[in-house]
């Protein structure tokens, strides 16, 4: 399995990613590990939302360039990190090349409570490779 680590900072109602996840059409089974940091303006400090909220479950919602929504399964968070695997079907066709926005939902233990972080705009970018085997 290939892993990519990213940090999302939530501040004043917006979410920013430290660096977009760059994939190329045809890439598959790449796991992205998200740490979500909330910067509290009042105290000027920051904390990991997953640890602070004691959030054991998370779900990734991806909005494609064609405005199609993709919802992951609700998965366990481990050690303050939400890990999602980008499915091959998401990045295997030409029309799927482009910039994707996403949100992450955080759930409590029995999934009776949920909070959603603000949208991360253009947090995943799918590019066309320089060549493919079928050329």
N, C-alpha and C. Protein backbone atom coordinates (compact mmCIF):
# COMPACT_ATOMS: atom_id res chain seq x y z
N UNK A 1 0.84 -1.18 0.00
CA UNK A 1 0.00 0.00 0.00
C UNK A 1 0.89 1.24 0.00
N UNK A 2 0.51 2.24 -0.75
CA UNK A 2 1.22 3.51 -0.81
C UNK A 2 0.44 4.53 0.01
N UNK A 3 1.15 5.26 0.88
CA UNK A 3 0.51 6.24 1.75
C UNK A 3 1.01 7.64 1.43
N UNK A 4 0.10 8.60 1.54
CA UNK A 4 0.41 10.02 1.42
C UNK A 4 -0.14 10.69 2.67
N UNK A 5 0.68 11.48 3.35
CA UNK A 5 0.25 12.18 4.56
C UNK A 5 -0.05 13.64 4.24
N UNK A 6 -1.20 14.11 4.72
CA UNK A 6 -1.59 15.51 4.53
C UNK A 6 -2.19 16.04 5.83
N UNK A 7 -2.01 17.34 6.04
CA UNK A 7 -2.60 18.02 7.19
C UNK A 7 -3.61 19.04 6.69
N UNK A 8 -4.79 19.00 7.28
CA UNK A 8 -5.84 19.97 6.97
C UNK A 8 -5.96 20.89 8.17
N UNK A 9 -5.89 22.19 7.93
CA UNK A 9 -6.04 23.18 8.98
C UNK A 9 -7.41 23.84 8.83
N UNK A 10 -8.20 23.79 9.90
CA UNK A 10 -9.51 24.43 9.92
C UNK A 10 -9.38 25.70 10.75
N UNK A 11 -9.72 26.83 10.12
CA UNK A 11 -9.58 28.11 10.81
C UNK A 11 -10.61 29.08 10.25
N UNK A 12 -11.34 29.72 11.12
CA UNK A 12 -12.32 30.75 10.76
C UNK A 12 -13.27 30.29 9.66
N UNK A 13 -13.77 29.08 9.78
CA UNK A 13 -14.78 28.57 8.86
C UNK A 13 -14.27 28.10 7.52
N UNK A 14 -12.95 27.97 7.37
CA UNK A 14 -12.40 27.45 6.12
C UNK A 14 -11.41 26.33 6.42
N UNK A 15 -11.19 25.47 5.43
CA UNK A 15 -10.22 24.39 5.55
C UNK A 15 -9.15 24.57 4.48
N UNK A 16 -7.90 24.39 4.88
CA UNK A 16 -6.77 24.44 3.95
C UNK A 16 -5.95 23.17 4.12
N UNK A 17 -5.47 22.67 2.99
CA UNK A 17 -4.61 21.49 3.02
C UNK A 17 -3.17 21.95 2.83
N UNK A 18 -2.22 21.31 3.52
CA UNK A 18 -0.83 21.75 3.44
C UNK A 18 -0.26 21.58 2.04
N UNK A 19 -0.74 20.59 1.31
CA UNK A 19 -0.31 20.35 -0.07
C UNK A 19 -1.36 19.47 -0.73
N UNK A 20 -1.83 19.83 -1.93
CA UNK A 20 -2.82 18.97 -2.58
C UNK A 20 -2.29 17.56 -2.81
N UNK A 21 -3.20 16.60 -2.84
CA UNK A 21 -2.86 15.23 -3.19
C UNK A 21 -2.82 15.18 -4.72
N UNK A 22 -1.65 14.90 -5.29
CA UNK A 22 -1.49 14.86 -6.74
C UNK A 22 -1.49 13.40 -7.18
N UNK A 23 -2.44 13.06 -8.04
CA UNK A 23 -2.52 11.72 -8.62
C UNK A 23 -2.52 11.85 -10.14
N UNK A 24 -2.23 10.77 -10.81
CA UNK A 24 -2.29 10.76 -12.27
C UNK A 24 -3.31 9.72 -12.71
N UNK A 25 -3.97 10.03 -13.81
CA UNK A 25 -4.99 9.11 -14.32
C UNK A 25 -4.39 7.72 -14.41
N UNK A 26 -5.08 6.75 -13.82
CA UNK A 26 -4.60 5.37 -13.80
C UNK A 26 -3.95 4.96 -12.49
N UNK A 27 -3.63 5.93 -11.63
CA UNK A 27 -3.11 5.58 -10.30
C UNK A 27 -4.21 4.86 -9.53
N UNK A 28 -3.83 4.02 -8.58
CA UNK A 28 -4.86 3.30 -7.82
C UNK A 28 -4.35 2.87 -6.46
N UNK A 29 -5.32 2.63 -5.57
CA UNK A 29 -5.07 2.13 -4.22
C UNK A 29 -4.04 2.97 -3.45
N UNK A 30 -4.16 4.28 -3.58
CA UNK A 30 -3.32 5.20 -2.82
C UNK A 30 -4.09 5.61 -1.58
N UNK A 31 -3.51 5.41 -0.41
CA UNK A 31 -4.17 5.78 0.84
C UNK A 31 -3.67 7.16 1.27
N UNK A 32 -4.61 8.02 1.62
CA UNK A 32 -4.28 9.36 2.09
C UNK A 32 -4.62 9.42 3.57
N UNK A 33 -3.62 9.80 4.37
CA UNK A 33 -3.79 9.91 5.82
C UNK A 33 -3.93 11.40 6.16
N UNK A 34 -5.12 11.75 6.65
CA UNK A 34 -5.41 13.14 6.98
C UNK A 34 -5.33 13.37 8.48
N UNK A 35 -4.56 14.37 8.88
CA UNK A 35 -4.59 14.89 10.23
C UNK A 35 -5.33 16.22 10.14
N UNK A 36 -6.34 16.41 10.97
CA UNK A 36 -7.16 17.62 10.92
C UNK A 36 -6.84 18.48 12.13
N UNK A 37 -6.30 19.66 11.87
CA UNK A 37 -5.89 20.57 12.92
C UNK A 37 -6.83 21.77 12.92
N UNK A 38 -7.35 22.09 14.10
CA UNK A 38 -8.22 23.25 14.24
C UNK A 38 -7.46 24.32 14.99
N UNK A 39 -7.31 25.48 14.38
CA UNK A 39 -6.62 26.59 15.03
C UNK A 39 -7.68 27.47 15.68
N UNK A 40 -7.62 27.52 17.00
CA UNK A 40 -8.60 28.31 17.74
C UNK A 40 -8.11 29.75 17.82
N UNK A 41 -8.86 30.64 17.22
CA UNK A 41 -8.48 32.04 17.21
C UNK A 41 -8.42 32.60 18.62
N UNK A 42 -9.35 32.20 19.48
CA UNK A 42 -9.45 32.73 20.83
C UNK A 42 -8.18 32.49 21.65
N UNK A 43 -7.60 31.31 21.53
CA UNK A 43 -6.44 30.97 22.33
C UNK A 43 -5.14 30.99 21.53
N UNK A 44 -5.24 31.05 20.20
CA UNK A 44 -4.05 31.07 19.38
C UNK A 44 -3.30 29.76 19.35
N UNK A 45 -3.93 28.69 19.82
CA UNK A 45 -3.27 27.38 19.80
C UNK A 45 -3.95 26.50 18.77
N UNK A 46 -3.42 25.32 18.58
CA UNK A 46 -4.03 24.41 17.63
C UNK A 46 -4.12 23.02 18.26
N UNK A 47 -5.10 22.23 17.78
CA UNK A 47 -5.23 20.87 18.28
C UNK A 47 -5.75 19.98 17.17
N UNK A 48 -5.44 18.71 17.28
CA UNK A 48 -5.89 17.71 16.33
C UNK A 48 -7.36 17.41 16.63
N UNK A 49 -8.25 17.73 15.69
CA UNK A 49 -9.69 17.58 15.92
C UNK A 49 -10.07 16.13 16.22
N UNK A 50 -9.41 15.19 15.56
CA UNK A 50 -9.77 13.78 15.77
C UNK A 50 -9.45 13.37 17.20
N UNK A 51 -8.27 13.75 17.68
CA UNK A 51 -7.91 13.45 19.07
C UNK A 51 -8.76 14.24 20.05
N UNK A 52 -8.90 15.54 19.81
CA UNK A 52 -9.60 16.42 20.74
C UNK A 52 -11.08 16.05 20.89
N UNK A 53 -11.72 15.77 19.78
CA UNK A 53 -13.14 15.42 19.80
C UNK A 53 -13.34 13.94 20.12
N UNK A 54 -12.23 13.20 20.28
CA UNK A 54 -12.28 11.77 20.53
C UNK A 54 -13.10 11.06 19.46
N UNK A 55 -12.77 11.41 18.21
CA UNK A 55 -13.52 10.93 17.06
C UNK A 55 -12.93 9.63 16.53
N UNK A 56 -13.65 8.54 16.65
CA UNK A 56 -13.09 7.27 16.18
C UNK A 56 -13.44 6.93 14.73
N UNK A 57 -14.37 7.66 14.10
CA UNK A 57 -14.82 7.31 12.76
C UNK A 57 -14.85 8.54 11.86
N UNK A 58 -14.62 8.32 10.57
CA UNK A 58 -14.64 9.42 9.61
C UNK A 58 -15.11 8.92 8.25
N UNK A 59 -15.59 9.87 7.45
CA UNK A 59 -16.05 9.58 6.09
C UNK A 59 -15.55 10.68 5.17
N UNK A 60 -15.10 10.32 3.98
CA UNK A 60 -14.61 11.27 3.00
C UNK A 60 -15.69 11.47 1.93
N UNK A 61 -15.97 12.73 1.63
CA UNK A 61 -16.91 13.09 0.56
C UNK A 61 -16.10 13.84 -0.50
N UNK A 62 -16.08 13.33 -1.71
CA UNK A 62 -15.30 13.94 -2.79
C UNK A 62 -16.27 14.47 -3.84
N UNK A 63 -16.01 15.70 -4.29
CA UNK A 63 -16.78 16.30 -5.38
C UNK A 63 -15.87 16.40 -6.59
N UNK A 64 -16.23 15.67 -7.66
CA UNK A 64 -15.38 15.60 -8.85
C UNK A 64 -15.51 16.89 -9.68
N UNK A 65 -14.61 17.08 -10.66
CA UNK A 65 -14.72 18.24 -11.54
C UNK A 65 -16.04 18.27 -12.31
N UNK A 66 -16.67 17.11 -12.50
CA UNK A 66 -17.96 17.06 -13.19
C UNK A 66 -19.14 17.20 -12.22
N UNK A 67 -18.83 17.53 -10.96
CA UNK A 67 -19.81 17.73 -9.88
C UNK A 67 -20.48 16.45 -9.41
N UNK A 68 -19.87 15.30 -9.72
CA UNK A 68 -20.36 14.02 -9.20
C UNK A 68 -19.79 13.82 -7.80
N UNK A 69 -20.65 13.40 -6.87
CA UNK A 69 -20.21 13.18 -5.49
C UNK A 69 -19.88 11.71 -5.26
N UNK A 70 -18.79 11.48 -4.53
CA UNK A 70 -18.36 10.13 -4.16
C UNK A 70 -18.24 10.10 -2.65
N UNK A 71 -18.89 9.12 -2.00
CA UNK A 71 -18.87 8.98 -0.55
C UNK A 71 -18.10 7.72 -0.19
N UNK A 72 -17.12 7.84 0.69
CA UNK A 72 -16.41 6.65 1.16
C UNK A 72 -17.27 5.95 2.20
N UNK A 73 -16.85 4.77 2.56
CA UNK A 73 -17.45 4.12 3.72
C UNK A 73 -17.04 4.89 4.96
N UNK A 74 -17.75 4.71 6.05
CA UNK A 74 -17.35 5.29 7.33
C UNK A 74 -16.29 4.36 7.91
N UNK A 75 -15.10 4.92 8.16
CA UNK A 75 -13.95 4.12 8.57
C UNK A 75 -13.43 4.55 9.93
N UNK A 76 -12.70 3.65 10.58
CA UNK A 76 -12.08 3.94 11.88
C UNK A 76 -10.90 4.89 11.71
N UNK A 77 -10.79 5.84 12.63
CA UNK A 77 -9.59 6.68 12.72
C UNK A 77 -8.62 5.99 13.66
N UNK A 78 -7.35 6.11 13.37
CA UNK A 78 -6.34 5.49 14.22
C UNK A 78 -5.26 6.50 14.56
N UNK A 79 -4.99 6.64 15.85
CA UNK A 79 -3.94 7.51 16.35
C UNK A 79 -4.09 8.94 15.83
N UNK A 80 -5.32 9.45 15.81
CA UNK A 80 -5.57 10.83 15.41
C UNK A 80 -5.52 11.09 13.92
N UNK A 81 -5.59 10.02 13.11
CA UNK A 81 -5.48 10.16 11.66
C UNK A 81 -6.65 9.45 10.99
N UNK A 82 -7.27 10.14 10.02
CA UNK A 82 -8.31 9.54 9.20
C UNK A 82 -7.67 9.10 7.89
N UNK A 83 -7.75 7.81 7.58
CA UNK A 83 -7.10 7.26 6.38
C UNK A 83 -8.16 6.79 5.39
N UNK A 84 -8.03 7.26 4.15
CA UNK A 84 -8.95 6.88 3.08
C UNK A 84 -8.15 6.42 1.87
N UNK A 85 -8.64 5.38 1.21
CA UNK A 85 -8.00 4.88 -0.01
C UNK A 85 -8.77 5.42 -1.21
N UNK A 86 -8.04 6.05 -2.12
CA UNK A 86 -8.64 6.59 -3.33
C UNK A 86 -8.91 5.42 -4.28
N UNK A 87 -10.19 5.19 -4.61
CA UNK A 87 -10.50 4.03 -5.46
C UNK A 87 -10.05 4.23 -6.90
N UNK A 88 -9.67 3.15 -7.54
CA UNK A 88 -9.20 3.20 -8.93
C UNK A 88 -10.26 3.81 -9.85
N UNK A 89 -11.52 3.52 -9.58
CA UNK A 89 -12.60 4.01 -10.43
C UNK A 89 -12.68 5.53 -10.44
N UNK A 90 -12.11 6.17 -9.43
CA UNK A 90 -12.19 7.63 -9.34
C UNK A 90 -11.24 8.32 -10.30
N UNK A 91 -10.14 7.69 -10.64
CA UNK A 91 -9.10 8.36 -11.44
C UNK A 91 -8.64 7.55 -12.65
N UNK A 92 -9.54 6.78 -13.25
CA UNK A 92 -9.09 5.93 -14.36
C UNK A 92 -9.59 6.36 -15.73
N UNK A 93 -10.38 7.43 -15.82
CA UNK A 93 -10.91 7.85 -17.11
C UNK A 93 -10.54 9.30 -17.40
N UNK A 94 -10.48 9.64 -18.69
CA UNK A 94 -10.03 10.96 -19.11
C UNK A 94 -10.87 12.09 -18.51
N UNK A 95 -12.19 11.92 -18.44
CA UNK A 95 -13.04 12.98 -17.90
C UNK A 95 -12.84 13.20 -16.40
N UNK A 96 -12.10 12.31 -15.75
CA UNK A 96 -11.85 12.44 -14.31
C UNK A 96 -10.58 13.23 -14.00
N UNK A 97 -9.88 13.68 -15.04
CA UNK A 97 -8.72 14.54 -14.85
C UNK A 97 -9.23 15.91 -14.43
N UNK A 98 -8.64 16.48 -13.39
CA UNK A 98 -9.05 17.81 -12.93
C UNK A 98 -8.87 17.97 -11.44
N UNK A 99 -9.49 19.03 -10.90
CA UNK A 99 -9.36 19.37 -9.49
C UNK A 99 -10.61 18.94 -8.73
N UNK A 100 -10.38 18.26 -7.61
CA UNK A 100 -11.45 17.74 -6.77
C UNK A 100 -11.46 18.49 -5.44
N UNK A 101 -12.65 18.77 -4.95
CA UNK A 101 -12.81 19.31 -3.61
C UNK A 101 -13.35 18.20 -2.73
N UNK A 102 -13.17 18.34 -1.42
CA UNK A 102 -13.69 17.31 -0.53
C UNK A 102 -14.00 17.86 0.85
N UNK A 103 -14.77 17.10 1.59
CA UNK A 103 -15.06 17.34 3.00
C UNK A 103 -14.84 16.04 3.76
N UNK A 104 -14.59 16.18 5.05
CA UNK A 104 -14.47 15.01 5.91
C UNK A 104 -15.50 15.13 7.02
N UNK A 105 -16.25 14.06 7.21
CA UNK A 105 -17.22 13.98 8.31
C UNK A 105 -16.58 13.19 9.44
N UNK A 106 -16.72 13.69 10.66
CA UNK A 106 -16.21 13.00 11.84
C UNK A 106 -17.40 12.51 12.65
N UNK A 107 -17.34 11.25 13.10
CA UNK A 107 -18.43 10.60 13.83
C UNK A 107 -17.96 10.15 15.20
N UNK A 108 -18.91 10.09 16.14
CA UNK A 108 -18.60 9.53 17.46
C UNK A 108 -18.63 8.01 17.37
N UNK A 109 -18.45 7.34 18.52
CA UNK A 109 -18.31 5.87 18.55
C UNK A 109 -19.48 5.13 17.92
N UNK A 110 -20.71 5.52 18.29
CA UNK A 110 -21.86 4.78 17.76
C UNK A 110 -22.51 5.47 16.57
N UNK A 111 -21.82 6.45 16.01
CA UNK A 111 -22.28 7.20 14.84
C UNK A 111 -23.61 7.89 15.07
N UNK A 112 -23.88 8.27 16.31
CA UNK A 112 -25.11 9.01 16.62
C UNK A 112 -24.87 10.52 16.57
N UNK A 113 -23.61 10.91 16.38
CA UNK A 113 -23.26 12.32 16.32
C UNK A 113 -22.23 12.52 15.21
N UNK A 114 -22.35 13.64 14.48
CA UNK A 114 -21.46 13.88 13.34
C UNK A 114 -21.17 15.37 13.22
N UNK A 115 -19.93 15.70 12.84
CA UNK A 115 -19.55 17.06 12.50
C UNK A 115 -18.76 17.00 11.20
N UNK A 116 -18.98 17.98 10.32
CA UNK A 116 -18.32 18.03 9.02
C UNK A 116 -17.41 19.24 8.97
N UNK A 117 -16.17 19.03 8.53
CA UNK A 117 -15.26 20.17 8.39
C UNK A 117 -15.63 20.93 7.11
N UNK A 118 -15.26 22.21 7.03
CA UNK A 118 -15.52 22.96 5.79
C UNK A 118 -14.81 22.32 4.60
N UNK A 119 -15.32 22.61 3.42
CA UNK A 119 -14.80 22.07 2.17
C UNK A 119 -13.31 22.44 1.97
N UNK A 120 -12.55 21.46 1.51
CA UNK A 120 -11.17 21.70 1.08
C UNK A 120 -11.23 21.82 -0.44
N UNK A 121 -11.06 23.03 -0.94
CA UNK A 121 -11.16 23.27 -2.38
C UNK A 121 -9.88 22.83 -3.07
N UNK A 122 -10.05 22.09 -4.16
CA UNK A 122 -8.94 21.63 -4.99
C UNK A 122 -7.89 20.88 -4.18
N UNK A 123 -8.34 20.07 -3.23
CA UNK A 123 -7.44 19.32 -2.37
C UNK A 123 -6.88 18.06 -3.01
N UNK A 124 -7.53 17.59 -4.06
CA UNK A 124 -7.04 16.44 -4.82
C UNK A 124 -6.98 16.87 -6.28
N UNK A 125 -5.84 16.65 -6.91
CA UNK A 125 -5.67 17.02 -8.32
C UNK A 125 -5.28 15.77 -9.09
N UNK A 126 -6.06 15.45 -10.12
CA UNK A 126 -5.77 14.31 -10.99
C UNK A 126 -5.28 14.87 -12.32
N UNK A 127 -4.09 14.44 -12.70
CA UNK A 127 -3.46 14.92 -13.93
C UNK A 127 -3.36 13.80 -14.95
N UNK A 128 -3.12 14.19 -16.18
CA UNK A 128 -2.90 13.23 -17.25
C UNK A 128 -1.41 12.85 -17.22
N UNK A 129 -1.09 11.54 -17.27
CA UNK A 129 0.32 11.15 -17.30
C UNK A 129 0.97 11.56 -18.63
N UNK A 130 2.31 11.57 -18.67
CA UNK A 130 2.98 11.98 -19.90
C UNK A 130 2.72 11.03 -21.06
N UNK A 131 2.42 9.77 -20.73
CA UNK A 131 2.05 8.79 -21.75
C UNK A 131 1.37 7.61 -21.05
N UNK A 132 0.69 6.79 -21.80
CA UNK A 132 0.07 5.59 -21.26
C UNK A 132 0.47 4.39 -22.11
N UNK A 133 0.24 3.21 -21.56
CA UNK A 133 0.58 1.99 -22.28
C UNK A 133 -0.24 1.83 -23.54
N UNK A 134 -1.43 2.43 -23.59
CA UNK A 134 -2.34 2.25 -24.72
C UNK A 134 -2.07 3.23 -25.85
N UNK A 135 -1.10 4.15 -25.71
CA UNK A 135 -0.81 5.13 -26.77
C UNK A 135 -0.10 4.47 -27.93
